[in-house]
N, C-alpha and C. Protein backbone atom coordinates (compact mmCIF):
# COMPACT_ATOMS: atom_id res chain seq x y z
N MET A 1 -1.50 75.95 175.14
CA MET A 1 -2.54 76.65 175.89
C MET A 1 -4.10 76.22 176.61
N ILE A 2 -4.15 76.29 177.26
CA ILE A 2 -5.73 75.61 178.11
C ILE A 2 -6.22 76.96 179.31
N GLN A 3 -7.64 77.38 178.44
CA GLN A 3 -8.45 78.18 179.04
C GLN A 3 -8.67 77.76 180.44
N VAL A 4 -8.89 79.33 181.49
CA VAL A 4 -9.41 78.68 182.67
C VAL A 4 -10.60 77.79 183.10
N ALA A 5 -10.30 76.97 183.56
CA ALA A 5 -12.04 76.22 184.24
C ALA A 5 -12.11 75.38 183.07
N THR A 6 -11.33 75.27 181.77
CA THR A 6 -11.04 73.71 180.91
C THR A 6 -10.49 73.05 181.28
N LYS A 7 -10.84 71.49 180.72
CA LYS A 7 -9.71 70.67 180.91
C LYS A 7 -9.24 69.87 179.47
N SER A 8 -8.06 69.57 179.77
CA SER A 8 -7.30 69.14 178.71
C SER A 8 -7.46 67.91 177.89
N GLN A 9 -7.79 68.13 177.05
CA GLN A 9 -8.27 66.23 176.27
C GLN A 9 -6.87 65.25 175.31
N LEU A 10 -5.85 66.22 176.34
CA LEU A 10 -4.40 65.27 175.70
C LEU A 10 -4.06 64.34 176.89
N THR A 11 -3.77 63.30 176.25
CA THR A 11 -3.57 62.00 177.11
C THR A 11 -1.99 61.28 176.65
N TRP A 12 -1.60 60.87 177.38
CA TRP A 12 0.06 60.44 176.86
C TRP A 12 0.53 59.42 177.94
N ASN A 13 1.72 58.52 177.35
CA ASN A 13 2.04 57.52 177.98
C ASN A 13 3.62 57.70 178.08
N ILE A 14 4.32 57.28 178.99
CA ILE A 14 5.60 57.53 178.79
C ILE A 14 6.26 56.14 179.26
N SER A 15 7.07 55.53 178.36
CA SER A 15 7.99 54.22 178.56
C SER A 15 8.89 54.29 178.56
N TYR A 16 9.06 53.54 180.15
CA TYR A 16 10.59 53.75 180.55
C TYR A 16 11.57 52.12 179.95
N PRO A 17 12.52 52.48 179.43
CA PRO A 17 13.47 50.97 179.11
C PRO A 17 13.06 49.79 180.55
N SER A 18 13.46 48.87 180.11
CA SER A 18 12.90 47.81 180.93
C SER A 18 14.56 47.25 181.56
N PRO A 19 15.30 47.04 182.29
CA PRO A 19 16.74 46.94 182.63
C PRO A 19 17.38 45.73 181.78
N VAL A 20 18.27 46.04 181.78
CA VAL A 20 19.06 45.02 180.65
C VAL A 20 18.75 43.20 180.86
N THR A 21 18.52 42.86 182.70
CA THR A 21 18.12 41.42 183.25
C THR A 21 16.70 41.39 182.48
N SER A 22 16.17 42.13 181.65
CA SER A 22 14.71 41.50 181.36
C SER A 22 14.67 41.28 179.66
N VAL A 23 15.93 41.77 179.15
CA VAL A 23 15.89 41.97 177.80
C VAL A 23 17.31 40.50 177.09
N VAL A 24 18.11 40.47 178.13
CA VAL A 24 19.00 39.53 178.10
C VAL A 24 19.78 38.84 179.62
N LYS A 25 19.86 37.39 179.37
CA LYS A 25 20.44 36.77 180.51
C LYS A 25 21.85 36.84 180.08
N VAL A 26 22.61 36.32 181.19
CA VAL A 26 24.17 36.34 181.06
C VAL A 26 24.53 35.13 181.53
N LEU A 27 24.91 34.14 180.51
CA LEU A 27 24.83 32.58 180.88
C LEU A 27 26.59 32.30 181.46
N PRO A 28 26.84 31.89 182.47
CA PRO A 28 27.85 31.23 183.01
C PRO A 28 29.07 31.20 182.15
N PRO A 29 30.30 31.77 181.90
CA PRO A 29 30.87 32.70 182.74
C PRO A 29 29.87 34.39 182.75
N ASN A 30 30.03 34.73 181.54
CA ASN A 30 29.80 36.02 180.84
C ASN A 30 28.89 36.01 179.61
N ILE A 31 28.39 34.83 178.71
CA ILE A 31 28.09 34.66 177.68
C ILE A 31 26.69 35.27 177.73
N ILE A 32 26.50 36.38 176.79
CA ILE A 32 25.07 37.22 176.49
C ILE A 32 24.34 36.69 175.63
N CYS A 33 22.88 36.34 176.21
CA CYS A 33 21.87 35.71 175.50
C CYS A 33 20.68 36.60 175.49
N PRO A 34 20.47 36.99 174.55
CA PRO A 34 18.91 38.06 174.29
C PRO A 34 17.53 37.22 174.82
N THR A 35 16.59 37.79 175.37
CA THR A 35 15.58 36.69 175.46
C THR A 35 14.68 37.17 174.45
N THR A 36 14.65 38.41 173.50
CA THR A 36 13.81 39.02 172.50
C THR A 36 14.65 39.26 171.35
N ASP A 37 14.43 39.91 170.18
CA ASP A 37 14.76 40.37 169.36
C ASP A 37 15.69 41.85 169.84
N LEU A 38 16.68 42.07 169.47
CA LEU A 38 17.29 43.21 170.05
C LEU A 38 18.45 43.99 168.76
N ARG A 39 18.33 45.26 168.88
CA ARG A 39 19.64 45.81 168.33
C ARG A 39 20.55 46.18 169.28
N MET A 40 21.89 45.39 169.06
CA MET A 40 22.97 46.05 170.13
C MET A 40 24.15 46.49 169.24
N LYS A 41 24.54 47.79 170.53
CA LYS A 41 25.41 48.16 169.82
C LYS A 41 26.68 48.42 170.60
N VAL A 42 27.71 48.21 170.15
CA VAL A 42 29.12 48.44 171.08
C VAL A 42 30.05 49.81 171.05
N LYS A 43 30.48 49.71 171.98
CA LYS A 43 31.71 50.71 171.75
C LYS A 43 32.55 50.68 172.61
N VAL A 44 34.13 51.07 171.66
CA VAL A 44 35.26 51.13 173.01
C VAL A 44 35.19 52.34 173.89
N LEU A 45 35.52 52.23 175.25
CA LEU A 45 35.45 53.51 175.82
C LEU A 45 36.78 54.15 176.20
N GLY A 46 37.67 52.51 176.18
CA GLY A 46 38.89 53.26 176.49
C GLY A 46 39.88 52.03 176.38
N ALA A 47 40.98 52.00 176.57
CA ALA A 47 42.03 50.96 176.36
C ALA A 47 43.41 51.38 176.86
N SER A 48 43.75 51.36 177.94
CA SER A 48 44.82 51.69 178.98
C SER A 48 45.82 50.53 178.79
N PHE A 49 45.99 50.11 178.06
CA PHE A 49 47.11 48.64 178.09
C PHE A 49 48.81 50.05 177.02
N GLN A 50 49.33 49.64 178.29
CA GLN A 50 50.75 50.29 178.00
C GLN A 50 51.76 49.77 178.55
N ALA A 51 52.74 50.45 177.54
CA ALA A 51 54.57 50.08 177.90
C ALA A 51 55.12 50.49 178.90
N THR A 52 54.63 52.27 179.01
CA THR A 52 54.89 53.14 179.93
C THR A 52 54.12 54.10 180.33
N ILE A 53 53.97 55.13 180.91
CA ILE A 53 52.99 56.12 181.11
C ILE A 53 52.85 56.47 180.05
N THR A 54 53.51 57.02 179.12
CA THR A 54 53.12 57.87 177.90
C THR A 54 53.01 56.61 176.60
N GLN A 55 53.24 55.70 176.48
CA GLN A 55 53.11 55.06 175.11
C GLN A 55 52.56 53.68 175.45
N PHE A 56 51.28 53.75 174.77
CA PHE A 56 50.28 52.75 175.01
C PHE A 56 50.55 51.89 173.78
N LEU A 57 49.88 50.71 173.83
CA LEU A 57 50.09 49.34 173.01
C LEU A 57 49.20 49.09 172.42
N PRO A 58 48.52 48.70 171.40
CA PRO A 58 47.65 48.29 170.52
C PRO A 58 47.01 47.39 171.02
N VAL A 59 45.49 47.26 171.01
CA VAL A 59 44.19 46.07 171.20
C VAL A 59 43.38 46.13 170.08
N GLN A 60 42.86 44.96 170.24
CA GLN A 60 41.99 44.16 169.75
C GLN A 60 40.51 43.68 170.55
N VAL A 61 39.66 43.93 169.35
CA VAL A 61 38.31 43.85 170.27
C VAL A 61 37.98 42.76 169.29
N LYS A 62 37.18 41.46 169.10
CA LYS A 62 36.67 40.88 168.57
C LYS A 62 35.26 40.66 169.15
N TRP A 63 34.19 40.07 168.19
CA TRP A 63 33.08 39.34 168.84
C TRP A 63 33.21 38.09 168.07
N SER A 64 31.80 37.06 168.82
CA SER A 64 31.01 36.15 167.56
C SER A 64 30.07 35.72 168.41
N LYS A 65 28.77 35.15 167.49
CA LYS A 65 27.47 35.28 167.51
C LYS A 65 27.63 33.29 167.54
N ASN A 66 26.77 33.05 168.21
CA ASN A 66 26.59 31.39 168.05
C ASN A 66 27.68 30.53 168.02
N SER A 67 28.93 30.65 168.43
CA SER A 67 30.40 30.19 168.03
C SER A 67 30.75 30.19 166.70
N SER A 68 29.96 31.38 166.27
CA SER A 68 30.83 31.03 165.05
C SER A 68 32.15 32.04 165.11
N THR A 69 32.69 32.26 163.95
CA THR A 69 34.41 32.64 163.81
C THR A 69 34.30 34.09 164.25
N TRP A 70 35.64 34.20 165.00
CA TRP A 70 35.79 35.78 165.62
C TRP A 70 35.84 36.92 164.51
N THR A 71 34.74 37.69 164.65
CA THR A 71 35.20 39.06 163.48
C THR A 71 35.65 39.87 164.67
N ASP A 72 36.58 40.68 164.06
CA ASP A 72 37.20 41.82 164.37
C ASP A 72 36.72 43.43 164.32
N ILE A 73 36.11 43.78 165.74
CA ILE A 73 35.46 44.80 165.55
C ILE A 73 35.82 45.91 165.98
N PHE A 74 37.45 45.91 166.27
CA PHE A 74 38.24 47.36 166.49
C PHE A 74 39.84 46.84 166.72
N TYR A 75 40.93 47.64 166.02
CA TYR A 75 42.12 47.66 166.10
C TYR A 75 42.75 49.08 166.62
N GLY A 76 43.33 49.14 167.28
CA GLY A 76 44.04 50.46 167.70
C GLY A 76 44.69 50.89 169.08
N LEU A 77 44.76 51.97 169.17
CA LEU A 77 45.85 52.82 170.61
C LEU A 77 44.62 53.39 171.15
N GLN A 78 44.80 53.72 172.76
CA GLN A 78 43.67 54.53 173.30
C GLN A 78 44.09 55.95 172.65
N THR A 79 44.84 56.44 172.25
CA THR A 79 44.89 57.69 171.86
C THR A 79 43.99 57.41 169.87
N THR A 80 43.89 56.32 169.80
CA THR A 80 42.60 56.55 168.29
C THR A 80 41.46 56.22 169.15
N ILE A 81 40.66 55.91 170.04
CA ILE A 81 39.73 55.41 170.04
C ILE A 81 38.49 56.95 170.40
N LEU A 82 38.03 56.59 170.35
CA LEU A 82 36.68 57.66 170.29
C LEU A 82 35.57 57.36 171.06
N PRO A 83 35.10 57.37 172.23
CA PRO A 83 34.00 56.57 172.85
C PRO A 83 32.89 56.83 172.68
N SER A 84 32.45 57.36 171.92
CA SER A 84 31.18 57.86 171.41
C SER A 84 31.12 56.92 170.21
N THR A 85 32.08 56.99 169.49
CA THR A 85 31.65 55.78 168.25
C THR A 85 31.09 54.51 168.64
N VAL A 86 30.35 53.77 167.36
CA VAL A 86 29.67 52.15 167.77
C VAL A 86 30.64 51.63 166.60
N VAL A 87 31.41 50.74 167.00
CA VAL A 87 32.62 49.95 166.25
C VAL A 87 31.40 48.92 165.99
N LEU A 88 30.49 48.39 166.83
CA LEU A 88 29.37 47.33 166.42
C LEU A 88 28.14 47.76 166.23
N ASP A 89 27.32 47.59 165.27
CA ASP A 89 25.42 47.98 165.17
C ASP A 89 25.23 46.84 164.88
N THR A 90 24.51 46.12 165.60
CA THR A 90 23.99 44.61 164.49
C THR A 90 22.54 44.57 165.16
N LEU A 91 21.85 43.69 164.22
CA LEU A 91 20.79 43.09 164.79
C LEU A 91 20.95 41.34 165.76
N VAL A 92 20.61 40.89 167.13
CA VAL A 92 20.43 39.88 167.74
C VAL A 92 19.35 39.61 167.55
N LYS A 93 19.52 37.95 167.96
CA LYS A 93 17.78 37.28 167.91
C LYS A 93 17.71 36.59 169.50
N LYS A 94 16.73 36.36 169.60
CA LYS A 94 16.34 35.75 171.04
C LYS A 94 17.51 34.22 170.91
N ASP A 95 17.64 34.27 172.39
CA ASP A 95 18.31 33.11 172.66
C ASP A 95 19.91 33.03 171.49
N ASP A 96 20.17 33.96 170.60
CA ASP A 96 21.62 34.20 170.34
C ASP A 96 22.41 34.36 171.61
N LYS A 97 23.89 33.19 171.33
CA LYS A 97 24.93 33.53 172.44
C LYS A 97 26.15 34.08 171.60
N ILE A 98 26.36 35.33 172.16
CA ILE A 98 27.23 36.47 172.12
C ILE A 98 28.03 36.61 172.95
N ASN A 99 29.54 36.39 172.31
CA ASN A 99 30.66 36.66 173.00
C ASN A 99 31.60 37.95 172.36
N PHE A 100 31.97 38.48 173.29
CA PHE A 100 33.25 39.37 173.50
C PHE A 100 34.67 39.07 173.37
N GLY A 101 35.18 39.45 173.06
CA GLY A 101 37.51 39.00 173.25
C GLY A 101 37.85 40.07 173.52
N GLY A 102 38.98 40.69 173.34
CA GLY A 102 39.88 41.45 174.01
C GLY A 102 41.59 40.97 174.03
N ARG A 103 42.84 41.29 173.68
CA ARG A 103 43.83 41.12 173.53
C ARG A 103 44.75 42.03 173.26
N GLY A 104 45.69 42.14 173.48
CA GLY A 104 46.78 43.30 173.60
C GLY A 104 48.55 42.48 173.09
N TYR A 105 48.98 43.76 172.29
CA TYR A 105 50.03 43.18 171.38
C TYR A 105 51.54 43.78 172.26
N ARG A 106 52.00 43.48 172.56
CA ARG A 106 53.13 43.53 173.19
C ARG A 106 54.40 42.19 173.11
N ASP A 107 55.90 43.29 172.82
CA ASP A 107 56.82 42.25 172.63
C ASP A 107 56.78 41.81 171.18
N ASN A 108 56.15 42.24 170.18
CA ASN A 108 56.05 41.83 168.71
C ASN A 108 55.50 40.57 168.79
N ALA A 109 54.40 40.44 169.71
CA ALA A 109 53.53 39.31 169.84
C ALA A 109 52.19 39.34 170.44
N TRP A 110 51.09 38.98 169.87
CA TRP A 110 50.08 39.02 170.86
C TRP A 110 49.54 37.84 171.81
N LEU A 111 49.19 38.82 172.94
CA LEU A 111 48.87 38.16 174.09
C LEU A 111 47.66 37.38 174.28
N PRO A 112 47.54 36.53 174.89
CA PRO A 112 45.95 35.63 174.99
C PRO A 112 44.76 36.38 175.12
N LEU A 113 43.81 35.37 174.10
CA LEU A 113 42.54 36.22 173.78
C LEU A 113 42.06 36.03 175.10
N TYR A 114 41.01 37.13 175.51
CA TYR A 114 40.58 36.76 176.85
C TYR A 114 39.13 36.55 176.41
N THR A 115 38.21 36.34 176.70
CA THR A 115 36.98 36.35 176.21
C THR A 115 36.09 35.87 177.28
N THR A 116 34.53 36.61 176.89
CA THR A 116 33.15 36.07 178.06
C THR A 116 33.15 34.64 177.95
N ALA A 117 33.56 34.23 177.36
CA ALA A 117 33.64 32.45 177.00
C ALA A 117 34.32 31.71 178.30
N MET A 118 35.51 32.54 179.34
CA MET A 118 36.49 31.95 179.57
C MET A 118 36.00 32.42 181.41
N ASN A 119 36.15 31.52 182.11
CA ASN A 119 36.15 31.72 183.53
C ASN A 119 37.66 32.38 183.96
N THR A 120 37.18 33.55 183.61
CA THR A 120 38.79 33.94 184.27
C THR A 120 38.72 35.35 184.77
N PRO A 121 39.65 35.74 185.68
CA PRO A 121 39.53 36.87 186.50
C PRO A 121 39.52 38.43 185.20
N ASN A 122 40.56 38.10 184.62
CA ASN A 122 40.68 38.75 183.55
C ASN A 122 39.44 39.54 183.12
N LEU A 123 38.40 39.13 183.03
CA LEU A 123 37.16 39.74 182.13
C LEU A 123 35.87 39.81 183.23
N VAL A 124 35.18 41.07 183.56
CA VAL A 124 34.52 41.40 184.18
C VAL A 124 33.25 42.23 183.54
N MET A 125 32.12 41.61 183.77
CA MET A 125 31.06 42.52 183.16
C MET A 125 29.92 42.83 184.38
N LEU A 126 29.84 44.47 184.18
CA LEU A 126 29.01 44.91 185.01
C LEU A 126 27.79 45.62 184.47
N ALA A 127 26.31 45.41 185.31
CA ALA A 127 25.00 46.19 184.85
C ALA A 127 25.00 47.39 185.90
N ASN A 128 24.07 48.28 185.75
CA ASN A 128 23.83 49.54 186.23
C ASN A 128 23.76 49.18 187.57
N GLY A 129 24.45 49.71 188.50
CA GLY A 129 24.07 49.76 190.12
C GLY A 129 25.25 48.33 190.45
N ASP A 130 25.67 47.59 189.87
CA ASP A 130 27.11 46.90 190.29
C ASP A 130 27.77 47.45 190.92
N ARG A 131 28.57 46.71 191.95
CA ARG A 131 29.82 47.38 192.73
C ARG A 131 30.90 47.06 191.62
N VAL A 132 32.20 47.31 191.65
CA VAL A 132 33.22 47.17 190.53
C VAL A 132 33.76 46.35 191.64
N PRO A 133 34.65 45.23 191.34
CA PRO A 133 35.35 44.24 192.00
C PRO A 133 36.76 45.05 192.89
N THR A 134 36.50 44.47 194.35
CA THR A 134 37.36 45.00 195.10
C THR A 134 38.72 44.86 195.42
N THR A 135 38.63 43.61 194.54
CA THR A 135 40.06 43.12 194.29
C THR A 135 40.94 43.58 193.28
N THR A 136 40.62 44.42 192.75
CA THR A 136 41.42 45.30 191.58
C THR A 136 41.89 46.43 192.10
N PRO A 137 43.14 46.40 192.47
CA PRO A 137 44.12 47.39 193.04
C PRO A 137 44.06 48.66 192.46
N ALA A 138 43.50 49.11 191.06
CA ALA A 138 43.13 50.41 190.50
C ALA A 138 41.86 51.19 191.20
N PHE A 139 40.58 50.42 191.62
CA PHE A 139 39.79 50.76 191.94
C PHE A 139 40.03 51.36 193.84
N GLN A 140 40.76 50.32 194.63
CA GLN A 140 40.86 50.25 195.53
C GLN A 140 41.81 52.02 196.05
N GLN A 141 42.86 52.22 194.78
CA GLN A 141 43.82 53.16 195.19
C GLN A 141 43.23 54.88 194.25
N GLY A 142 42.04 54.33 193.57
CA GLY A 142 41.62 55.44 193.48
C GLY A 142 42.45 55.73 191.73
N SER A 143 43.11 55.26 191.51
CA SER A 143 43.39 55.37 189.93
C SER A 143 42.74 54.96 188.61
N ILE A 144 41.59 55.40 189.03
CA ILE A 144 40.77 55.13 187.87
C ILE A 144 41.32 56.04 186.90
N GLU A 145 41.17 55.11 185.49
CA GLU A 145 41.10 55.87 184.21
C GLU A 145 40.08 57.17 183.84
N SER A 146 40.59 57.78 183.44
CA SER A 146 39.39 59.33 183.31
C SER A 146 38.48 58.40 182.06
N PHE A 147 38.73 57.37 181.35
CA PHE A 147 37.61 57.49 180.53
C PHE A 147 36.59 56.06 181.05
N LEU A 148 36.60 55.76 182.23
CA LEU A 148 36.17 54.78 183.28
C LEU A 148 35.31 55.61 184.50
N LYS A 149 35.54 56.97 184.71
CA LYS A 149 35.07 57.81 185.92
C LYS A 149 33.57 58.11 185.48
N PRO A 150 33.21 58.62 184.09
CA PRO A 150 31.71 58.77 183.77
C PRO A 150 30.82 57.81 184.21
N TYR A 151 31.24 56.78 184.23
CA TYR A 151 30.26 55.72 184.42
C TYR A 151 30.38 54.65 185.89
N LEU A 152 30.96 55.69 186.86
CA LEU A 152 31.04 54.99 188.21
C LEU A 152 30.11 56.20 189.18
N ASN A 153 29.41 56.24 189.67
CA ASN A 153 28.53 57.14 190.75
C ASN A 153 29.95 57.90 191.46
N ALA A 154 30.68 58.93 191.46
CA ALA A 154 31.22 59.59 192.49
C ALA A 154 31.13 58.95 194.08
N LYS A 155 29.96 58.98 194.61
CA LYS A 155 29.55 59.05 195.71
C LYS A 155 29.54 57.63 196.23
N THR A 156 29.23 56.62 195.71
CA THR A 156 29.00 55.26 195.76
C THR A 156 29.72 53.86 195.59
N GLY A 157 30.54 54.64 194.36
CA GLY A 157 31.85 53.77 193.52
C GLY A 157 31.11 52.81 192.68
N LEU A 158 29.78 52.68 192.76
CA LEU A 158 28.69 51.84 191.81
C LEU A 158 28.73 52.51 190.61
N VAL A 159 28.66 50.93 189.18
CA VAL A 159 28.37 51.34 188.32
C VAL A 159 27.25 52.09 187.95
N SER A 160 27.28 53.05 187.23
CA SER A 160 26.23 54.39 186.60
C SER A 160 26.06 54.26 185.15
N ILE A 161 25.59 53.35 184.53
CA ILE A 161 25.18 53.12 183.24
C ILE A 161 23.78 53.22 182.77
N GLY A 162 23.32 53.31 181.87
CA GLY A 162 21.89 52.92 181.23
C GLY A 162 21.33 51.55 181.69
N ASP A 163 19.79 51.57 181.51
CA ASP A 163 19.34 50.26 182.02
C ASP A 163 19.60 49.23 181.26
N ARG A 164 19.80 49.56 179.64
CA ARG A 164 20.01 48.52 178.81
C ARG A 164 21.44 48.70 178.31
N ASP A 165 22.58 48.69 179.39
CA ASP A 165 23.91 48.47 178.92
C ASP A 165 24.44 47.72 179.91
N LEU A 166 25.35 47.14 178.96
CA LEU A 166 26.66 46.56 179.98
C LEU A 166 28.00 46.81 179.70
N ILE A 167 28.89 46.91 180.88
CA ILE A 167 30.45 47.55 180.52
C ILE A 167 30.81 46.45 180.83
N ILE A 168 31.84 46.04 179.85
CA ILE A 168 32.90 44.38 180.32
C ILE A 168 34.26 45.36 180.18
N LEU A 169 34.87 44.89 181.34
CA LEU A 169 36.46 45.54 181.92
C LEU A 169 37.53 43.82 181.51
N MET A 170 38.40 44.19 181.11
CA MET A 170 39.24 43.18 180.41
C MET A 170 40.37 43.75 181.10
N GLU A 171 41.23 42.84 181.44
CA GLU A 171 42.83 42.68 182.37
C GLU A 171 43.75 42.22 181.07
N LEU A 172 44.75 43.17 179.93
CA LEU A 172 45.20 42.32 179.09
C LEU A 172 46.76 41.69 179.67
N GLY A 173 47.45 42.61 180.17
CA GLY A 173 48.59 42.11 180.23
C GLY A 173 49.28 41.50 181.86
N GLN A 174 48.00 41.52 182.59
CA GLN A 174 48.42 40.41 183.95
C GLN A 174 47.46 39.19 184.20
N THR A 175 48.16 38.40 185.06
CA THR A 175 47.20 37.34 184.99
C THR A 175 46.74 36.88 186.69
N ASN A 176 47.75 37.74 187.54
CA ASN A 176 47.65 37.65 189.06
C ASN A 176 46.46 39.03 189.54
N PRO A 177 45.81 39.02 189.76
CA PRO A 177 44.72 39.64 190.39
C PRO A 177 45.48 40.78 191.09
N THR A 178 46.10 39.91 192.40
CA THR A 178 46.94 40.60 193.47
C THR A 178 47.93 41.71 192.63
N ASN A 179 48.38 41.30 191.50
CA ASN A 179 49.28 42.17 190.84
C ASN A 179 48.88 44.09 191.12
N SER A 180 49.86 45.10 191.48
CA SER A 180 49.38 46.50 191.20
C SER A 180 49.05 46.89 189.49
N GLY A 181 49.42 46.08 189.05
CA GLY A 181 49.27 46.08 187.47
C GLY A 181 47.91 45.37 187.18
N PHE A 182 47.42 44.74 187.94
CA PHE A 182 46.27 44.21 187.21
C PHE A 182 44.62 44.85 187.67
N ASP A 183 44.64 45.89 186.79
CA ASP A 183 43.33 46.73 187.03
C ASP A 183 42.41 46.55 186.43
N LEU A 184 41.81 46.23 185.45
CA LEU A 184 40.77 45.40 184.62
C LEU A 184 40.71 47.09 183.88
N GLN A 185 41.66 47.47 183.50
CA GLN A 185 41.05 49.39 182.30
C GLN A 185 42.10 49.07 180.94
N ASP A 186 42.80 47.53 180.95
CA ASP A 186 43.18 47.76 179.69
C ASP A 186 42.87 47.83 178.45
N LEU A 187 41.08 47.20 178.61
CA LEU A 187 40.66 47.37 177.62
C LEU A 187 39.28 47.59 178.38
N VAL A 188 38.48 48.57 177.67
CA VAL A 188 36.85 48.70 178.56
C VAL A 188 35.65 48.95 177.07
N LEU A 189 34.76 47.75 177.60
CA LEU A 189 33.86 48.13 176.39
C LEU A 189 32.33 48.11 177.07
N LYS A 190 31.41 49.03 176.14
CA LYS A 190 30.08 49.65 176.75
C LYS A 190 29.32 48.66 175.66
N VAL A 191 28.29 47.55 175.80
CA VAL A 191 26.96 47.25 175.31
C VAL A 191 25.84 47.24 175.58
N THR A 192 25.37 48.06 174.54
CA THR A 192 23.73 48.87 174.70
C THR A 192 22.79 47.91 174.10
N PHE A 193 21.77 47.50 174.42
CA PHE A 193 20.74 47.31 174.04
C PHE A 193 19.48 47.82 173.61
N GLU A 194 18.94 47.80 172.33
CA GLU A 194 17.71 48.84 171.76
C GLU A 194 16.40 47.85 171.47
N ASP A 195 15.45 48.41 171.34
CA ASP A 195 14.29 47.67 170.69
C ASP A 195 14.95 47.63 169.33
N PRO A 196 14.73 46.80 168.17
CA PRO A 196 15.08 46.56 166.75
C PRO A 196 14.49 47.58 166.29
């Protein structure tokens, strides 16, 4: 409380996080390269990889740093995903080359691994304010999975995430972007960068 006719001696500063583009570069096609040392946290938001409307199929998420061996960070079904759970919490250094990959299991075999190091329509990386690909049938028809809706602005359709977040959308079961099943919602990751 401050008495009438007196001035406060209190001062403060507010620091807002800088946008992801100021702390990481995305090298073509989608390789993440920090511009400073950071803490990186990864969450699996959803995995709508299905055999039927009610039968989900397993998915696997992997990551690699500086072309090292791929390391598993998640395996499971949509029904086992807790979107608030961090599946990877690690320190990354300036100029590290970070890649993520995902694949689905169907008909007793693993499908191809799609990675951020590949030039493929099966994987899209988005930052805050980006427009979701309009070539994806699910986003045109409004059949967006419930786990993805909180990260899209309902009015504009633009991605609405934190300034230091990236969302990675993956299509695991189709290869033709004009196919109605090509919805880039088979596996969705959120990658967050924080000061170490």
